[in-house]
Amino acid sequence: MKVLVFVKATPNSEKGALPSDEKLQQMLADMGAFNEKLVKAGVMQEADGLKPSSAGKRITFSDQGHTAVIDGPFIETKELVAGYWVWNVKSMDEAVAWAKQCPNPMPGEEGVLEIRPTWSVEEFDELIGGEGVLREQDARLRKQIKRRQKAKKKVAPKKRKATRAKAKK
C-alpha cells in the first residue's frame, strides 16, 4: 500500500523562518536518522521538503475550460504542506506506527503529519470497469519515465566534468 505522508505547514514554515541553528541541526540529524530507518526497512520511496507557498502557484479549473493561475502565498496555513514522504507499507496501521516514531518536524512548534493512502491504477480500473486499459497505459508511462531518468543520469556526469573543466580555467 502506498501512502503519502504530509508534513503540515506552520506560520513560521510559511514565512520561511527556520529554527535556531542548534534546533535546526538537531532536527536535521534526528530526521536523517528517522529517514535512515525508513529506507533500511524498505518503507521510504521518496521524500522532500517544500518551499513556502509564496514560491508556489495554484491552478484552478472549471468544466467550461477556464483555468486560472493564482500566485502564492496562500492564506490558510493549516491547509498547506511543508514536506512529504512517499511510503510503501502493508497497512494504514503500519504507516501510523512509523509516523509515531517521527521526530517533531517543526521544532518549537506543534508538528502535524497527515497520512493519505493513494489510489492504485488497479483500483481506478475496477472503478471504471476497465479491462486493464489504465494498467497498460500506466505501465507504458512508467517505462518511459525510467528511460528518461536513465538518459538524464548518463548525461549528468558529462555536464559535471565540463563544469569542473571551465572552473579550473
C-alpha atoms as a PDB file:
ATOM      1  CA  MET A   1       0.000   0.000   0.000  1.00  0.00           C
ATOM      2  CA  LYS A   2       1.387   3.364  -0.994  1.00  0.00           C
ATOM      3  CA  VAL A   3       0.724   6.337   1.260  1.00  0.00           C
ATOM      4  CA  LEU A   4       1.718   9.971   1.147  1.00  0.00           C
ATOM      5  CA  VAL A   5       2.741  11.415   4.471  1.00  0.00           C
ATOM      6  CA  PHE A   6       2.405  15.172   4.552  1.00  0.00           C
ATOM      7  CA  VAL A   7       4.253  17.415   6.980  1.00  0.00           C
ATOM      8  CA  LYS A   8       1.779  20.200   7.578  1.00  0.00           C
ATOM      9  CA  ALA A   9       2.972  23.782   7.329  1.00  0.00           C
ATOM     10  CA  THR A  10       3.041  26.262  10.209  1.00  0.00           C
ATOM     11  CA  PRO A  11       3.013  30.057  10.171  1.00  0.00           C
ATOM     12  CA  ASN A  12       6.803  30.014  10.659  1.00  0.00           C
ATOM     13  CA  SER A  13       7.457  27.491   7.875  1.00  0.00           C
ATOM     14  CA  GLU A  14       5.278  29.595   5.567  1.00  0.00           C
ATOM     15  CA  LYS A  15       7.399  32.651   6.385  1.00  0.00           C
ATOM     16  CA  GLY A  16      10.492  30.617   5.527  1.00  0.00           C
ATOM     17  CA  ALA A  17      11.637  31.111   9.126  1.00  0.00           C
ATOM     18  CA  LEU A  18      13.980  28.362  10.242  1.00  0.00           C
ATOM     19  CA  PRO A  19      14.535  27.366  13.856  1.00  0.00           C
ATOM     20  CA  SER A  20      17.746  28.467  15.576  1.00  0.00           C
ATOM     21  CA  ASP A  21      20.944  26.882  14.216  1.00  0.00           C
ATOM     22  CA  GLU A  22      21.112  24.473  17.141  1.00  0.00           C
ATOM     23  CA  LYS A  23      17.468  23.363  16.812  1.00  0.00           C
ATOM     24  CA  LEU A  24      17.772  23.143  13.020  1.00  0.00           C
ATOM     25  CA  GLN A  25      20.908  20.995  13.197  1.00  0.00           C
ATOM     26  CA  GLN A  26      19.284  18.726  15.783  1.00  0.00           C
ATOM     27  CA  MET A  27      16.079  18.394  13.742  1.00  0.00           C
ATOM     28  CA  LEU A  28      18.037  17.577  10.564  1.00  0.00           C
ATOM     29  CA  ALA A  29      20.114  14.984  12.427  1.00  0.00           C
ATOM     30  CA  ASP A  30      17.008  13.417  14.002  1.00  0.00           C
ATOM     31  CA  MET A  31      15.113  13.462  10.709  1.00  0.00           C
ATOM     32  CA  GLY A  32      18.121  11.984   8.914  1.00  0.00           C
ATOM     33  CA  ALA A  33      18.250   9.115  11.415  1.00  0.00           C
ATOM     34  CA  PHE A  34      14.490   8.559  11.013  1.00  0.00           C
ATOM     35  CA  ASN A  35      14.815   8.551   7.218  1.00  0.00           C
ATOM     36  CA  GLU A  36      17.671   6.017   7.504  1.00  0.00           C
ATOM     37  CA  LYS A  37      15.350   3.695   9.456  1.00  0.00           C
ATOM     38  CA  LEU A  38      12.596   4.122   6.859  1.00  0.00           C
ATOM     39  CA  VAL A  39      14.965   3.331   3.988  1.00  0.00           C
ATOM     40  CA  LYS A  40      16.514   0.312   5.735  1.00  0.00           C
ATOM     41  CA  ALA A  41      13.003  -1.046   6.378  1.00  0.00           C
ATOM     42  CA  GLY A  42      12.092  -0.576   2.707  1.00  0.00           C
ATOM     43  CA  VAL A  43       9.320   1.871   3.603  1.00  0.00           C
ATOM     44  CA  MET A  44      10.516   5.201   2.199  1.00  0.00           C
ATOM     45  CA  GLN A  45      10.260   5.621  -1.557  1.00  0.00           C
ATOM     46  CA  GLU A  46      10.770   9.377  -1.774  1.00  0.00           C
ATOM     47  CA  ALA A  47      10.822  12.484   0.421  1.00  0.00           C
ATOM     48  CA  ASP A  48      11.368  16.217   0.165  1.00  0.00           C
ATOM     49  CA  GLY A  49      10.728  19.446   1.964  1.00  0.00           C
ATOM     50  CA  LEU A  50       8.720  22.140   0.226  1.00  0.00           C
ATOM     51  CA  LYS A  51       9.485  25.822  -0.043  1.00  0.00           C
ATOM     52  CA  PRO A  52       6.857  28.218   1.378  1.00  0.00           C
ATOM     53  CA  SER A  53       3.679  28.703  -0.652  1.00  0.00           C
ATOM     54  CA  SER A  54       4.920  32.190  -1.586  1.00  0.00           C
ATOM     55  CA  ALA A  55       7.148  30.368  -4.098  1.00  0.00           C
ATOM     56  CA  GLY A  56       4.205  28.377  -5.467  1.00  0.00           C
ATOM     57  CA  LYS A  57       1.234  28.714  -7.741  1.00  0.00           C
ATOM     58  CA  ARG A  58      -2.270  27.248  -7.774  1.00  0.00           C
ATOM     59  CA  ILE A  59      -4.079  26.406 -10.964  1.00  0.00           C
ATOM     60  CA  THR A  60      -7.882  26.313 -10.874  1.00  0.00           C
ATOM     61  CA  PHE A  61     -10.034  24.584 -13.481  1.00  0.00           C
ATOM     62  CA  SER A  62     -13.685  24.708 -14.490  1.00  0.00           C
ATOM     63  CA  ASP A  63     -15.777  22.358 -16.591  1.00  0.00           C
ATOM     64  CA  GLN A  64     -16.153  25.216 -19.067  1.00  0.00           C
ATOM     65  CA  GLY A  65     -12.439  25.053 -19.864  1.00  0.00           C
ATOM     66  CA  HIS A  66     -11.420  28.107 -17.855  1.00  0.00           C
ATOM     67  CA  THR A  67      -8.138  27.914 -15.964  1.00  0.00           C
ATOM     68  CA  ALA A  68      -6.686  30.499 -13.647  1.00  0.00           C
ATOM     69  CA  VAL A  69      -3.240  30.820 -12.109  1.00  0.00           C
ATOM     70  CA  ILE A  70      -3.062  32.119  -8.548  1.00  0.00           C
ATOM     71  CA  ASP A  71       0.297  33.198  -7.164  1.00  0.00           C
ATOM     72  CA  GLY A  72       1.241  32.253  -3.608  1.00  0.00           C
ATOM     73  CA  PRO A  73       1.356  32.837  -0.738  1.00  0.00           C
ATOM     74  CA  PHE A  74      -1.818  31.008   0.175  1.00  0.00           C
ATOM     75  CA  ILE A  75      -3.735  32.110   3.231  1.00  0.00           C
ATOM     76  CA  GLU A  76      -4.829  29.027   5.197  1.00  0.00           C
ATOM     77  CA  THR A  77      -1.553  27.793   6.691  1.00  0.00           C
ATOM     78  CA  LYS A  78      -3.188  24.798   8.366  1.00  0.00           C
ATOM     79  CA  GLU A  79      -4.191  23.507   4.918  1.00  0.00           C
ATOM     80  CA  LEU A  80      -0.690  23.794   3.474  1.00  0.00           C
ATOM     81  CA  VAL A  81       2.092  21.242   3.238  1.00  0.00           C
ATOM     82  CA  ALA A  82       5.739  21.859   4.143  1.00  0.00           C
ATOM     83  CA  GLY A  83       7.118  18.469   3.101  1.00  0.00           C
ATOM     84  CA  TYR A  84       6.216  14.920   2.229  1.00  0.00           C
ATOM     85  CA  TRP A  85       7.245  11.281   2.121  1.00  0.00           C
ATOM     86  CA  VAL A  86       6.047   8.512  -0.154  1.00  0.00           C
ATOM     87  CA  TRP A  87       5.935   5.296   1.865  1.00  0.00           C
ATOM     88  CA  ASN A  88       5.240   1.717   0.879  1.00  0.00           C
ATOM     89  CA  VAL A  89       3.596  -0.030   3.839  1.00  0.00           C
ATOM     90  CA  LYS A  90       1.447  -3.098   4.445  1.00  0.00           C
ATOM     91  CA  SER A  91      -1.385  -1.170   6.094  1.00  0.00           C
ATOM     92  CA  MET A  92      -2.516   2.150   7.485  1.00  0.00           C
ATOM     93  CA  ASP A  93      -1.681   0.803  10.944  1.00  0.00           C
ATOM     94  CA  GLU A  94       1.936   0.292   9.872  1.00  0.00           C
ATOM     95  CA  ALA A  95       2.043   3.835   8.455  1.00  0.00           C
ATOM     96  CA  VAL A  96       0.747   5.202  11.755  1.00  0.00           C
ATOM     97  CA  ALA A  97       3.334   3.174  13.682  1.00  0.00           C
ATOM     98  CA  TRP A  98       6.126   4.680  11.573  1.00  0.00           C
ATOM     99  CA  ALA A  99       4.681   8.187  11.816  1.00  0.00           C
ATOM    100  CA  LYS A 100       4.621   7.953  15.616  1.00  0.00           C
ATOM    101  CA  GLN A 101       8.415   7.447  15.520  1.00  0.00           C
ATOM    102  CA  CYS A 102       8.972  10.657  13.542  1.00  0.00           C
ATOM    103  CA  PRO A 103      10.822  13.435  15.336  1.00  0.00           C
ATOM    104  CA  ASN A 104       8.882  16.692  15.561  1.00  0.00           C
ATOM    105  CA  PRO A 105       9.223  18.146  12.051  1.00  0.00           C
ATOM    106  CA  MET A 106       8.566  21.661  13.374  1.00  0.00           C
ATOM    107  CA  PRO A 107      10.916  22.249  16.341  1.00  0.00           C
ATOM    108  CA  GLY A 108       9.494  24.749  18.806  1.00  0.00           C
ATOM    109  CA  GLU A 109       6.005  24.372  17.311  1.00  0.00           C
ATOM    110  CA  GLU A 110       3.366  21.699  17.096  1.00  0.00           C
ATOM    111  CA  GLY A 111       4.299  19.431  14.187  1.00  0.00           C
ATOM    112  CA  VAL A 112       1.498  17.634  12.339  1.00  0.00           C
ATOM    113  CA  LEU A 113       1.707  14.700   9.924  1.00  0.00           C
ATOM    114  CA  GLU A 114      -1.182  13.663   7.684  1.00  0.00           C
ATOM    115  CA  ILE A 115      -1.202  10.187   6.129  1.00  0.00           C
ATOM    116  CA  ARG A 116      -3.195   9.606   2.950  1.00  0.00           C
ATOM    117  CA  PRO A 117      -3.408   6.343   1.016  1.00  0.00           C
ATOM    118  CA  THR A 118      -3.104   6.635  -2.748  1.00  0.00           C
ATOM    119  CA  TRP A 119      -5.378   5.146  -5.387  1.00  0.00           C
ATOM    120  CA  SER A 120      -3.682   2.414  -7.362  1.00  0.00           C
ATOM    121  CA  VAL A 121      -4.150   2.129 -11.097  1.00  0.00           C
ATOM    122  CA  GLU A 122      -5.812  -1.249 -10.443  1.00  0.00           C
ATOM    123  CA  GLU A 123      -8.409   0.417  -8.220  1.00  0.00           C
ATOM    124  CA  PHE A 124      -9.155   3.020 -10.900  1.00  0.00           C
ATOM    125  CA  ASP A 125      -9.503   0.226 -13.484  1.00  0.00           C
ATOM    126  CA  GLU A 126     -12.022  -1.514 -11.198  1.00  0.00           C
ATOM    127  CA  LEU A 127     -13.981   1.732 -10.677  1.00  0.00           C
ATOM    128  CA  ILE A 128     -14.495   2.282 -14.396  1.00  0.00           C
ATOM    129  CA  GLY A 129     -14.972  -1.390 -15.219  1.00  0.00           C
ATOM    130  CA  GLY A 130     -11.888  -1.262 -17.385  1.00  0.00           C
ATOM    131  CA  GLU A 131     -10.173  -4.346 -18.631  1.00  0.00           C
ATOM    132  CA  GLY A 132      -6.645  -3.324 -17.792  1.00  0.00           C
ATOM    133  CA  VAL A 133      -6.571  -0.328 -20.150  1.00  0.00           C
ATOM    134  CA  LEU A 134      -5.367   2.020 -17.420  1.00  0.00           C
ATOM    135  CA  ARG A 135      -2.855  -0.563 -16.204  1.00  0.00           C
ATOM    136  CA  GLU A 136      -1.390  -0.881 -19.695  1.00  0.00           C
ATOM    137  CA  GLN A 137      -1.132   2.902 -20.046  1.00  0.00           C
ATOM    138  CA  ASP A 138       0.392   3.203 -16.570  1.00  0.00           C
ATOM    139  CA  ALA A 139       2.988   0.511 -17.322  1.00  0.00           C
ATOM    140  CA  ARG A 140       3.905   2.219 -20.613  1.00  0.00           C
ATOM    141  CA  LEU A 141       4.264   5.628 -18.939  1.00  0.00           C
ATOM    142  CA  ARG A 142       6.365   4.229 -16.093  1.00  0.00           C
ATOM    143  CA  LYS A 143       8.739   2.643 -18.639  1.00  0.00           C
ATOM    144  CA  GLN A 144       9.047   5.988 -20.431  1.00  0.00           C
ATOM    145  CA  ILE A 145       9.815   7.747 -17.146  1.00  0.00           C
ATOM    146  CA  LYS A 146      12.520   5.187 -16.275  1.00  0.00           C
ATOM    147  CA  ARG A 147      14.111   5.551 -19.723  1.00  0.00           C
ATOM    148  CA  ARG A 148      14.202   9.340 -19.350  1.00  0.00           C
ATOM    149  CA  GLN A 149      15.675   9.093 -15.858  1.00  0.00           C
ATOM    150  CA  LYS A 150      18.392   6.719 -17.097  1.00  0.00           C
ATOM    151  CA  ALA A 151      19.165   9.044 -20.002  1.00  0.00           C
ATOM    152  CA  LYS A 152      19.479  12.025 -17.624  1.00  0.00           C
ATOM    153  CA  LYS A 153      21.851  10.074 -15.368  1.00  0.00           C
ATOM    154  CA  LYS A 154      24.095   9.287 -18.344  1.00  0.00           C
ATOM    155  CA  VAL A 155      24.222  12.971 -19.355  1.00  0.00           C
ATOM    156  CA  ALA A 156      24.711  14.393 -15.861  1.00  0.00           C
ATOM    157  CA  PRO A 157      28.337  13.206 -15.270  1.00  0.00           C
ATOM    158  CA  LYS A 158      29.448  14.707 -18.600  1.00  0.00           C
ATOM    159  CA  LYS A 159      27.943  18.066 -17.642  1.00  0.00           C
ATOM    160  CA  ARG A 160      29.658  17.978 -14.249  1.00  0.00           C
ATOM    161  CA  LYS A 161      33.040  17.282 -15.872  1.00  0.00           C
ATOM    162  CA  ALA A 162      32.555  20.132 -18.306  1.00  0.00           C
ATOM    163  CA  THR A 163      31.615  22.486 -15.456  1.00  0.00           C
ATOM    164  CA  ARG A 164      34.699  21.464 -13.468  1.00  0.00           C
ATOM    165  CA  ALA A 165      36.931  21.984 -16.509  1.00  0.00           C
ATOM    166  CA  LYS A 166      35.527  25.509 -17.008  1.00  0.00           C
ATOM    167  CA  ALA A 167      36.017  26.298 -13.320  1.00  0.00           C
ATOM    168  CA  LYS A 168      39.702  25.305 -13.483  1.00  0.00           C
ATOM    169  CA  LYS A 169      40.380  27.730 -16.363  1.00  0.00           C
END
